[in-house]
């Protein structure tokens, strides 16, 4: 699962729209869209905020299917 797919699954798991997620993290919905479609990646500070908000370890965003970083 790519980082974008992970971000999308976290958002969808909470039933949030792109706009609602953007509001939570202080970015535009287009930014969330670009993250979810692997066009751009969130900066480290934003990944840390997402990690705290969603309750997942920061390294989870970087793990591959086989569990390696």
C-alpha atoms as a PDB file:
ATOM      1  CA  UNK A   1       0.000   0.000   0.000  1.00  0.00           C
ATOM      2  CA  UNK A   2       1.432   3.375  -0.977  1.00  0.00           C
ATOM      3  CA  UNK A   3       1.609   6.319   1.397  1.00  0.00           C
ATOM      4  CA  UNK A   4      -1.269   7.950  -0.468  1.00  0.00           C
ATOM      5  CA  UNK A   5      -3.403   4.836  -0.129  1.00  0.00           C
ATOM      6  CA  UNK A   6      -2.662   4.769   3.590  1.00  0.00           C
ATOM      7  CA  UNK A   7      -3.686   8.401   3.979  1.00  0.00           C
ATOM      8  CA  UNK A   8      -6.891   7.743   2.026  1.00  0.00           C
ATOM      9  CA  UNK A   9      -7.726   4.689   4.140  1.00  0.00           C
ATOM     10  CA  UNK A  10      -7.272   6.663   7.366  1.00  0.00           C
ATOM     11  CA  UNK A  11      -9.502   9.474   6.091  1.00  0.00           C
ATOM     12  CA  UNK A  12     -12.164   7.119   4.794  1.00  0.00           C
ATOM     13  CA  UNK A  13     -12.068   5.125   8.015  1.00  0.00           C
ATOM     14  CA  UNK A  14     -13.221   8.230   9.847  1.00  0.00           C
ATOM     15  CA  UNK A  15     -15.829   9.014   7.191  1.00  0.00           C
ATOM     16  CA  UNK A  16     -14.251  12.394   6.419  1.00  0.00           C
ATOM     17  CA  UNK A  17     -14.314  14.228   3.099  1.00  0.00           C
ATOM     18  CA  UNK A  18     -11.247  15.705   1.462  1.00  0.00           C
ATOM     19  CA  UNK A  19     -12.418  19.150   2.601  1.00  0.00           C
ATOM     20  CA  UNK A  20     -12.979  18.055   6.206  1.00  0.00           C
ATOM     21  CA  UNK A  21      -9.551  16.445   6.307  1.00  0.00           C
ATOM     22  CA  UNK A  22      -7.980  19.567   4.843  1.00  0.00           C
ATOM     23  CA  UNK A  23      -9.673  21.651   7.517  1.00  0.00           C
ATOM     24  CA  UNK A  24      -8.384  19.358  10.257  1.00  0.00           C
ATOM     25  CA  UNK A  25      -4.786  19.719   9.050  1.00  0.00           C
ATOM     26  CA  UNK A  26      -4.977  23.318   7.842  1.00  0.00           C
ATOM     27  CA  UNK A  27      -4.515  22.585   4.134  1.00  0.00           C
ATOM     28  CA  UNK A  28      -6.710  22.821   1.050  1.00  0.00           C
ATOM     29  CA  UNK A  29      -8.683  19.835  -0.160  1.00  0.00           C
ATOM     30  CA  UNK A  30      -6.525  19.790  -3.316  1.00  0.00           C
ATOM     31  CA  UNK A  31      -3.496  19.160  -1.130  1.00  0.00           C
ATOM     32  CA  UNK A  32      -5.150  16.134   0.483  1.00  0.00           C
ATOM     33  CA  UNK A  33      -6.134  14.907  -3.004  1.00  0.00           C
ATOM     34  CA  UNK A  34      -2.510  15.190  -4.187  1.00  0.00           C
ATOM     35  CA  UNK A  35      -1.284  13.255  -1.148  1.00  0.00           C
ATOM     36  CA  UNK A  36      -3.833  10.487  -1.684  1.00  0.00           C
ATOM     37  CA  UNK A  37      -2.957  10.151  -5.366  1.00  0.00           C
ATOM     38  CA  UNK A  38       0.809  10.156  -4.730  1.00  0.00           C
ATOM     39  CA  UNK A  39       1.304  13.369  -6.694  1.00  0.00           C
ATOM     40  CA  UNK A  40       3.018  14.981  -3.722  1.00  0.00           C
ATOM     41  CA  UNK A  41       3.902  13.744  -0.256  1.00  0.00           C
ATOM     42  CA  UNK A  42       3.173  15.462   3.041  1.00  0.00           C
ATOM     43  CA  UNK A  43       6.094  17.118   4.776  1.00  0.00           C
ATOM     44  CA  UNK A  44       7.515  15.478   7.892  1.00  0.00           C
ATOM     45  CA  UNK A  45       5.734  17.924  10.211  1.00  0.00           C
ATOM     46  CA  UNK A  46       2.391  17.084   8.577  1.00  0.00           C
ATOM     47  CA  UNK A  47       3.048  13.345   8.761  1.00  0.00           C
ATOM     48  CA  UNK A  48       3.710  13.785  12.469  1.00  0.00           C
ATOM     49  CA  UNK A  49       0.367  15.601  12.867  1.00  0.00           C
ATOM     50  CA  UNK A  50      -1.405  12.826  10.948  1.00  0.00           C
ATOM     51  CA  UNK A  51       0.302  10.186  13.058  1.00  0.00           C
ATOM     52  CA  UNK A  52      -0.937  11.843  16.235  1.00  0.00           C
ATOM     53  CA  UNK A  53      -4.436  12.524  14.890  1.00  0.00           C
ATOM     54  CA  UNK A  54      -5.025   9.015  13.558  1.00  0.00           C
ATOM     55  CA  UNK A  55      -3.151   7.210  16.341  1.00  0.00           C
ATOM     56  CA  UNK A  56      -0.699   5.386  14.097  1.00  0.00           C
ATOM     57  CA  UNK A  57       3.088   5.262  14.483  1.00  0.00           C
ATOM     58  CA  UNK A  58       4.927   7.693  12.219  1.00  0.00           C
ATOM     59  CA  UNK A  59       6.928   4.886  10.610  1.00  0.00           C
ATOM     60  CA  UNK A  60       3.665   3.189   9.517  1.00  0.00           C
ATOM     61  CA  UNK A  61       3.466   5.650   6.623  1.00  0.00           C
ATOM     62  CA  UNK A  62       6.825   4.384   5.328  1.00  0.00           C
ATOM     63  CA  UNK A  63       6.438   0.629   5.834  1.00  0.00           C
ATOM     64  CA  UNK A  64       6.193  -1.608   2.800  1.00  0.00           C
ATOM     65  CA  UNK A  65       3.877  -4.595   2.410  1.00  0.00           C
ATOM     66  CA  UNK A  66       6.493  -6.913   3.937  1.00  0.00           C
ATOM     67  CA  UNK A  67       6.896  -4.633   6.972  1.00  0.00           C
ATOM     68  CA  UNK A  68      10.282  -3.167   6.137  1.00  0.00           C
ATOM     69  CA  UNK A  69      11.005   0.555   6.118  1.00  0.00           C
END
